[in-house]
Amino acid sequence: MRIFVAGASGRVGTALTKDLVAQGHEVVAASRHPEHFEGQEHVTPMVLDLHRSVEQLAEDLKGVDAVYFVAGSRGKDLLQTDAFGAVKLMQAAEQQGIKRFILLSSVFADVPEKWNDPNLKDIPDYNIAKFFADQWLMTRTNLDYTIIQPGNLMEEPATGKVTFHVDRSIPNSLYDVAAVLAAVLNAPNTYCKVIMMGGGDTPIDQAVAAF
């Protein structure tokens, strides 16, 4: 498949791009730093500007089979990037007739009453941005979506194991999050589902297959 990854040069995006290539896919690595991917086989770097119009973003998606949104402004541009940027990319995917859309969100982004969790209470604006992006994807599109909602992302080695259906925010290796994102691509049982995840004891392939 030809896969568009928005936010490919970020921490999760870099790991996800590597995982998708290892699975045999061609990746359009869209980011603010396309030079990050120069010379990499099976990767086409592209400049990503989420302030552009839906029509312009749709041009970037020509020939693509699936779209990932893993971009983030790290709190600097939450409305334009994390919220509306995600929505515009969804609209662009629909304009191009692309059905598969996978969104990286945040654990309990759609459950405001849980935003007082100790690991979430200091990022309310981020949760609000993710809430609106998630809700638009679930209620205002006809996309075959999967929303991945991890807890805190940690710069730790991959464990290859996770837990789903968490009831509190549990830290995740960002490499495990990338692996889950890659694993759900061709998993129809995850279509139109929200996966809340944390570090755990179940191998990723098993966890995805059983979801």
C-alpha atoms as a PDB file:
ATOM      1  CA  MET A   1       0.000   0.000   0.000  1.00  0.00           C
ATOM      2  CA  ARG A   2       0.949   3.628  -0.396  1.00  0.00           C
ATOM      3  CA  ILE A   3       0.573   5.223   3.035  1.00  0.00           C
ATOM      4  CA  PHE A   4       0.469   8.932   3.899  1.00  0.00           C
ATOM      5  CA  VAL A   5       1.902   9.738   7.335  1.00  0.00           C
ATOM      6  CA  ALA A   6       1.176  13.269   8.563  1.00  0.00           C
ATOM      7  CA  GLY A   7       3.763  14.179  11.180  1.00  0.00           C
ATOM      8  CA  ALA A   8       6.266  11.620   9.951  1.00  0.00           C
ATOM      9  CA  SER A   9       9.360  13.332  11.375  1.00  0.00           C
ATOM     10  CA  GLY A  10       8.057  13.363  14.947  1.00  0.00           C
ATOM     11  CA  ARG A  11       9.019  10.743  17.489  1.00  0.00           C
ATOM     12  CA  VAL A  12       6.108   8.412  16.818  1.00  0.00           C
ATOM     13  CA  GLY A  13       5.993   9.274  13.128  1.00  0.00           C
ATOM     14  CA  THR A  14       9.629   8.317  12.596  1.00  0.00           C
ATOM     15  CA  ALA A  15       9.136   4.937  14.262  1.00  0.00           C
ATOM     16  CA  LEU A  16       5.835   4.386  12.426  1.00  0.00           C
ATOM     17  CA  THR A  17       7.409   5.136   9.051  1.00  0.00           C
ATOM     18  CA  LYS A  18      10.132   2.597   9.757  1.00  0.00           C
ATOM     19  CA  ASP A  19       7.564  -0.027  10.805  1.00  0.00           C
ATOM     20  CA  LEU A  20       5.407   0.532   7.713  1.00  0.00           C
ATOM     21  CA  VAL A  21       8.386   0.212   5.378  1.00  0.00           C
ATOM     22  CA  ALA A  22       9.390  -2.987   7.172  1.00  0.00           C
ATOM     23  CA  GLN A  23       5.890  -4.304   6.413  1.00  0.00           C
ATOM     24  CA  GLY A  24       6.492  -3.690   2.707  1.00  0.00           C
ATOM     25  CA  HIS A  25       4.572  -0.445   2.238  1.00  0.00           C
ATOM     26  CA  GLU A  26       5.536   2.742   0.416  1.00  0.00           C
ATOM     27  CA  VAL A  27       5.337   5.762   2.719  1.00  0.00           C
ATOM     28  CA  VAL A  28       4.702   9.401   1.892  1.00  0.00           C
ATOM     29  CA  ALA A  29       6.490  10.994   4.851  1.00  0.00           C
ATOM     30  CA  ALA A  30       4.756  14.347   5.254  1.00  0.00           C
ATOM     31  CA  SER A  31       6.238  16.712   7.807  1.00  0.00           C
ATOM     32  CA  ARG A  32       7.795  20.087   8.452  1.00  0.00           C
ATOM     33  CA  HIS A  33      11.205  18.427   8.134  1.00  0.00           C
ATOM     34  CA  PRO A  34      11.174  16.289   4.972  1.00  0.00           C
ATOM     35  CA  GLU A  35      14.982  16.331   4.895  1.00  0.00           C
ATOM     36  CA  HIS A  36      14.776  13.837   7.754  1.00  0.00           C
ATOM     37  CA  PHE A  37      13.934  11.139   5.197  1.00  0.00           C
ATOM     38  CA  GLU A  38      16.250  11.982   2.308  1.00  0.00           C
ATOM     39  CA  GLY A  39      17.808   8.896   0.785  1.00  0.00           C
ATOM     40  CA  GLN A  40      15.562   6.398   2.560  1.00  0.00           C
ATOM     41  CA  GLU A  41      14.222   3.628   0.355  1.00  0.00           C
ATOM     42  CA  HIS A  42      10.452   3.302  -0.041  1.00  0.00           C
ATOM     43  CA  VAL A  43       9.927   6.731   1.553  1.00  0.00           C
ATOM     44  CA  THR A  44       8.837   9.842  -0.360  1.00  0.00           C
ATOM     45  CA  PRO A  45       9.452  12.988   1.704  1.00  0.00           C
ATOM     46  CA  MET A  46       6.864  15.757   1.435  1.00  0.00           C
ATOM     47  CA  VAL A  47       6.478  19.159   3.083  1.00  0.00           C
ATOM     48  CA  LEU A  48       3.372  19.198   5.290  1.00  0.00           C
ATOM     49  CA  ASP A  49       1.556  22.457   6.028  1.00  0.00           C
ATOM     50  CA  LEU A  50      -1.635  21.835   7.964  1.00  0.00           C
ATOM     51  CA  HIS A  51      -2.583  25.509   7.622  1.00  0.00           C
ATOM     52  CA  ARG A  52      -3.307  24.870   3.932  1.00  0.00           C
ATOM     53  CA  SER A  53      -6.815  24.406   2.572  1.00  0.00           C
ATOM     54  CA  VAL A  54      -8.627  21.091   2.345  1.00  0.00           C
ATOM     55  CA  GLU A  55      -8.327  21.240  -1.439  1.00  0.00           C
ATOM     56  CA  GLN A  56      -4.561  21.721  -1.249  1.00  0.00           C
ATOM     57  CA  LEU A  57      -4.189  18.867   1.245  1.00  0.00           C
ATOM     58  CA  ALA A  58      -6.287  16.657  -1.017  1.00  0.00           C
ATOM     59  CA  GLU A  59      -3.723  17.190  -3.784  1.00  0.00           C
ATOM     60  CA  ASP A  60      -1.057  15.805  -1.438  1.00  0.00           C
ATOM     61  CA  LEU A  61      -3.134  12.640  -0.975  1.00  0.00           C
ATOM     62  CA  LYS A  62      -3.416  11.659  -4.633  1.00  0.00           C
ATOM     63  CA  GLY A  63      -2.581   7.988  -5.157  1.00  0.00           C
ATOM     64  CA  VAL A  64      -2.680   7.190  -1.433  1.00  0.00           C
ATOM     65  CA  ASP A  65      -4.420   4.108   0.018  1.00  0.00           C
ATOM     66  CA  ALA A  66      -4.489   5.055   3.712  1.00  0.00           C
ATOM     67  CA  VAL A  67      -3.775   8.071   5.918  1.00  0.00           C
ATOM     68  CA  TYR A  68      -2.209   8.380   9.350  1.00  0.00           C
ATOM     69  CA  PHE A  69      -2.425  11.555  11.419  1.00  0.00           C
ATOM     70  CA  VAL A  70       0.320  11.502  14.049  1.00  0.00           C
ATOM     71  CA  ALA A  71       1.215  15.192  13.793  1.00  0.00           C
ATOM     72  CA  GLY A  72       1.382  17.395  16.854  1.00  0.00           C
ATOM     73  CA  SER A  73       2.394  20.931  17.686  1.00  0.00           C
ATOM     74  CA  ARG A  74       3.586  20.112  21.220  1.00  0.00           C
ATOM     75  CA  GLY A  75       1.200  22.738  22.540  1.00  0.00           C
ATOM     76  CA  LYS A  76       2.321  25.535  20.224  1.00  0.00           C
ATOM     77  CA  ASP A  77      -0.477  25.411  17.634  1.00  0.00           C
ATOM     78  CA  LEU A  78      -3.199  23.217  19.109  1.00  0.00           C
ATOM     79  CA  LEU A  79      -6.171  24.670  17.256  1.00  0.00           C
ATOM     80  CA  GLN A  80      -4.651  24.912  13.783  1.00  0.00           C
ATOM     81  CA  THR A  81      -2.611  21.691  13.895  1.00  0.00           C
ATOM     82  CA  ASP A  82      -3.847  19.180  16.456  1.00  0.00           C
ATOM     83  CA  ALA A  83      -7.551  19.948  16.034  1.00  0.00           C
ATOM     84  CA  PHE A  84      -8.410  21.646  12.738  1.00  0.00           C
ATOM     85  CA  GLY A  85      -5.387  20.258  10.890  1.00  0.00           C
ATOM     86  CA  ALA A  86      -6.600  16.748  11.653  1.00  0.00           C
ATOM     87  CA  VAL A  87     -10.144  17.614  10.567  1.00  0.00           C
ATOM     88  CA  LYS A  88      -8.956  19.097   7.267  1.00  0.00           C
ATOM     89  CA  LEU A  89      -6.894  15.987   6.517  1.00  0.00           C
ATOM     90  CA  MET A  90      -9.981  13.850   7.158  1.00  0.00           C
ATOM     91  CA  GLN A  91     -11.952  16.001   4.732  1.00  0.00           C
ATOM     92  CA  ALA A  92      -9.128  15.787   2.193  1.00  0.00           C
ATOM     93  CA  ALA A  93      -9.077  11.995   2.479  1.00  0.00           C
ATOM     94  CA  GLU A  94     -12.806  11.875   1.798  1.00  0.00           C
ATOM     95  CA  GLN A  95     -12.379  14.148  -1.212  1.00  0.00           C
ATOM     96  CA  GLN A  96      -9.883  11.656  -2.626  1.00  0.00           C
ATOM     97  CA  GLY A  97     -12.080   8.658  -1.862  1.00  0.00           C
ATOM     98  CA  ILE A  98      -9.607   7.266   0.679  1.00  0.00           C
ATOM     99  CA  LYS A  99     -11.432   5.202   3.312  1.00  0.00           C
ATOM    100  CA  ARG A 100      -8.747   4.153   5.807  1.00  0.00           C
ATOM    101  CA  PHE A 101      -7.787   6.811   8.369  1.00  0.00           C
ATOM    102  CA  ILE A 102      -5.816   6.185  11.566  1.00  0.00           C
ATOM    103  CA  LEU A 103      -5.560   8.919  14.182  1.00  0.00           C
ATOM    104  CA  LEU A 104      -3.141   9.144  17.088  1.00  0.00           C
ATOM    105  CA  SER A 105      -4.970  10.715  20.011  1.00  0.00           C
ATOM    106  CA  SER A 106      -4.568  10.698  23.794  1.00  0.00           C
ATOM    107  CA  VAL A 107      -5.984   8.369  26.418  1.00  0.00           C
ATOM    108  CA  PHE A 108      -9.455   9.446  27.609  1.00  0.00           C
ATOM    109  CA  ALA A 109      -9.504  12.328  25.119  1.00  0.00           C
ATOM    110  CA  ASP A 110     -13.212  11.613  24.673  1.00  0.00           C
ATOM    111  CA  VAL A 111     -13.975  11.251  28.391  1.00  0.00           C
ATOM    112  CA  PRO A 112     -13.613  14.764  29.888  1.00  0.00           C
ATOM    113  CA  GLU A 113     -14.558  13.564  33.354  1.00  0.00           C
ATOM    114  CA  LYS A 114     -11.292  11.603  33.408  1.00  0.00           C
ATOM    115  CA  TRP A 115      -9.095  14.591  32.570  1.00  0.00           C
ATOM    116  CA  ASN A 116      -8.270  14.972  36.268  1.00  0.00           C
ATOM    117  CA  ASP A 117      -6.126  11.832  35.998  1.00  0.00           C
ATOM    118  CA  PRO A 118      -2.699  12.732  37.465  1.00  0.00           C
ATOM    119  CA  ASN A 119      -1.051  12.209  34.066  1.00  0.00           C
ATOM    120  CA  LEU A 120      -3.618  14.337  32.220  1.00  0.00           C
ATOM    121  CA  LYS A 121      -4.549  17.205  34.530  1.00  0.00           C
ATOM    122  CA  ASP A 122      -1.748  19.474  33.262  1.00  0.00           C
ATOM    123  CA  ILE A 123      -2.662  19.216  29.547  1.00  0.00           C
ATOM    124  CA  PRO A 124      -6.342  20.270  29.336  1.00  0.00           C
ATOM    125  CA  ASP A 125      -5.930  22.282  26.127  1.00  0.00           C
ATOM    126  CA  TYR A 126      -4.280  19.329  24.393  1.00  0.00           C
ATOM    127  CA  ASN A 127      -7.101  17.043  25.500  1.00  0.00           C
ATOM    128  CA  ILE A 128      -9.674  19.515  24.186  1.00  0.00           C
ATOM    129  CA  ALA A 129      -7.956  19.649  20.781  1.00  0.00           C
ATOM    130  CA  LYS A 130      -7.886  15.856  20.628  1.00  0.00           C
ATOM    131  CA  PHE A 131     -11.501  15.656  21.779  1.00  0.00           C
ATOM    132  CA  PHE A 132     -12.713  17.712  18.829  1.00  0.00           C
ATOM    133  CA  ALA A 133     -10.532  15.871  16.305  1.00  0.00           C
ATOM    134  CA  ASP A 134     -11.712  12.500  17.615  1.00  0.00           C
ATOM    135  CA  GLN A 135     -15.350  13.521  17.678  1.00  0.00           C
ATOM    136  CA  TRP A 136     -15.248  14.859  14.128  1.00  0.00           C
ATOM    137  CA  LEU A 137     -13.721  11.617  12.878  1.00  0.00           C
ATOM    138  CA  MET A 138     -16.291   9.483  14.686  1.00  0.00           C
ATOM    139  CA  THR A 139     -19.424  11.518  13.995  1.00  0.00           C
ATOM    140  CA  ARG A 140     -18.838  13.663  10.907  1.00  0.00           C
ATOM    141  CA  THR A 141     -17.048  11.299   8.494  1.00  0.00           C
ATOM    142  CA  ASN A 142     -17.695   7.988   6.769  1.00  0.00           C
ATOM    143  CA  LEU A 143     -14.070   6.925   7.045  1.00  0.00           C
ATOM    144  CA  ASP A 144     -12.927   3.484   8.176  1.00  0.00           C
ATOM    145  CA  TYR A 145     -11.133   4.957  11.143  1.00  0.00           C
ATOM    146  CA  THR A 146      -9.167   3.673  14.088  1.00  0.00           C
ATOM    147  CA  ILE A 147      -8.266   6.028  16.945  1.00  0.00           C
ATOM    148  CA  ILE A 148      -5.282   5.048  19.084  1.00  0.00           C
ATOM    149  CA  GLN A 149      -5.275   6.639  22.533  1.00  0.00           C
ATOM    150  CA  PRO A 150      -2.080   5.960  24.492  1.00  0.00           C
ATOM    151  CA  GLY A 151      -1.059   7.289  27.868  1.00  0.00           C
ATOM    152  CA  ASN A 152       2.230   9.137  28.352  1.00  0.00           C
ATOM    153  CA  LEU A 153       4.766   8.509  25.593  1.00  0.00           C
ATOM    154  CA  MET A 154       8.133   7.425  26.968  1.00  0.00           C
ATOM    155  CA  GLU A 155      11.543   7.330  25.294  1.00  0.00           C
ATOM    156  CA  GLU A 156      12.018   3.714  26.285  1.00  0.00           C
ATOM    157  CA  PRO A 157      12.865   0.606  24.222  1.00  0.00           C
ATOM    158  CA  ALA A 158       9.973  -1.274  22.668  1.00  0.00           C
ATOM    159  CA  THR A 159       8.591  -4.124  24.721  1.00  0.00           C
ATOM    160  CA  GLY A 160       6.326  -5.483  21.994  1.00  0.00           C
ATOM    161  CA  LYS A 161       3.599  -5.876  24.636  1.00  0.00           C
ATOM    162  CA  VAL A 162       0.608  -3.740  25.575  1.00  0.00           C
ATOM    163  CA  THR A 163      -2.702  -3.656  27.373  1.00  0.00           C
ATOM    164  CA  PHE A 164      -5.928  -2.338  25.867  1.00  0.00           C
ATOM    165  CA  HIS A 165      -9.147  -1.116  27.533  1.00  0.00           C
ATOM    166  CA  VAL A 166      -7.171   0.716  30.229  1.00  0.00           C
ATOM    167  CA  ASP A 167      -9.016   2.405  33.095  1.00  0.00           C
ATOM    168  CA  ARG A 168      -6.235   4.869  33.923  1.00  0.00           C
ATOM    169  CA  SER A 169      -3.371   6.561  32.119  1.00  0.00           C
ATOM    170  CA  ILE A 170      -0.494   4.071  31.812  1.00  0.00           C
ATOM    171  CA  PRO A 171       2.873   5.050  30.250  1.00  0.00           C
ATOM    172  CA  ASN A 172       3.798   3.598  26.860  1.00  0.00           C
ATOM    173  CA  SER A 173       7.027   3.144  24.982  1.00  0.00           C
ATOM    174  CA  LEU A 174       6.529   5.388  21.966  1.00  0.00           C
ATOM    175  CA  TYR A 175       7.912   2.520  19.857  1.00  0.00           C
ATOM    176  CA  ASP A 176       5.116   0.253  21.081  1.00  0.00           C
ATOM    177  CA  VAL A 177       2.609   2.950  20.160  1.00  0.00           C
ATOM    178  CA  ALA A 178       4.093   3.115  16.656  1.00  0.00           C
ATOM    179  CA  ALA A 179       3.914  -0.673  16.415  1.00  0.00           C
ATOM    180  CA  VAL A 180       0.220  -0.655  17.369  1.00  0.00           C
ATOM    181  CA  LEU A 181      -0.477   2.060  14.801  1.00  0.00           C
ATOM    182  CA  ALA A 182       1.182  -0.077  12.129  1.00  0.00           C
ATOM    183  CA  ALA A 183      -0.526  -3.273  13.288  1.00  0.00           C
ATOM    184  CA  VAL A 184      -4.072  -1.923  12.972  1.00  0.00           C
ATOM    185  CA  LEU A 185      -3.640  -0.799   9.355  1.00  0.00           C
ATOM    186  CA  ASN A 186      -5.058  -3.999   7.856  1.00  0.00           C
ATOM    187  CA  ALA A 187      -7.135  -5.100  10.852  1.00  0.00           C
ATOM    188  CA  PRO A 188     -10.839  -4.651   9.961  1.00  0.00           C
ATOM    189  CA  ASN A 189     -11.818  -5.582  13.524  1.00  0.00           C
ATOM    190  CA  THR A 190     -10.374  -2.213  14.587  1.00  0.00           C
ATOM    191  CA  TYR A 191     -12.403  -0.186  12.080  1.00  0.00           C
ATOM    192  CA  CYS A 192     -14.568   2.492  13.724  1.00  0.00           C
ATOM    193  CA  LYS A 193     -13.031   1.714  17.109  1.00  0.00           C
ATOM    194  CA  VAL A 194     -11.122   3.621  19.785  1.00  0.00           C
ATOM    195  CA  ILE A 195      -8.204   1.744  21.335  1.00  0.00           C
ATOM    196  CA  MET A 196      -7.103   3.041  24.739  1.00  0.00           C
ATOM    197  CA  MET A 197      -3.724   1.527  25.458  1.00  0.00           C
ATOM    198  CA  GLY A 198      -0.849   1.350  27.899  1.00  0.00           C
ATOM    199  CA  GLY A 199       2.180  -0.782  28.534  1.00  0.00           C
ATOM    200  CA  GLY A 200       1.264  -4.341  29.432  1.00  0.00           C
ATOM    201  CA  ASP A 201       1.851  -8.064  28.999  1.00  0.00           C
ATOM    202  CA  THR A 202       0.026  -9.001  25.772  1.00  0.00           C
ATOM    203  CA  PRO A 203       2.009  -9.220  22.524  1.00  0.00           C
ATOM    204  CA  ILE A 204       0.858  -6.477  20.172  1.00  0.00           C
ATOM    205  CA  ASP A 205      -0.293  -8.779  17.352  1.00  0.00           C
ATOM    206  CA  GLN A 206      -2.395 -10.801  19.796  1.00  0.00           C
ATOM    207  CA  ALA A 207      -3.875  -7.704  21.395  1.00  0.00           C
ATOM    208  CA  VAL A 208      -4.870  -6.236  18.023  1.00  0.00           C
ATOM    209  CA  ALA A 209      -6.307  -9.520  16.755  1.00  0.00           C
ATOM    210  CA  ALA A 210      -8.403  -9.937  19.906  1.00  0.00           C
ATOM    211  CA  PHE A 211      -9.693  -6.359  20.059  1.00  0.00           C
END
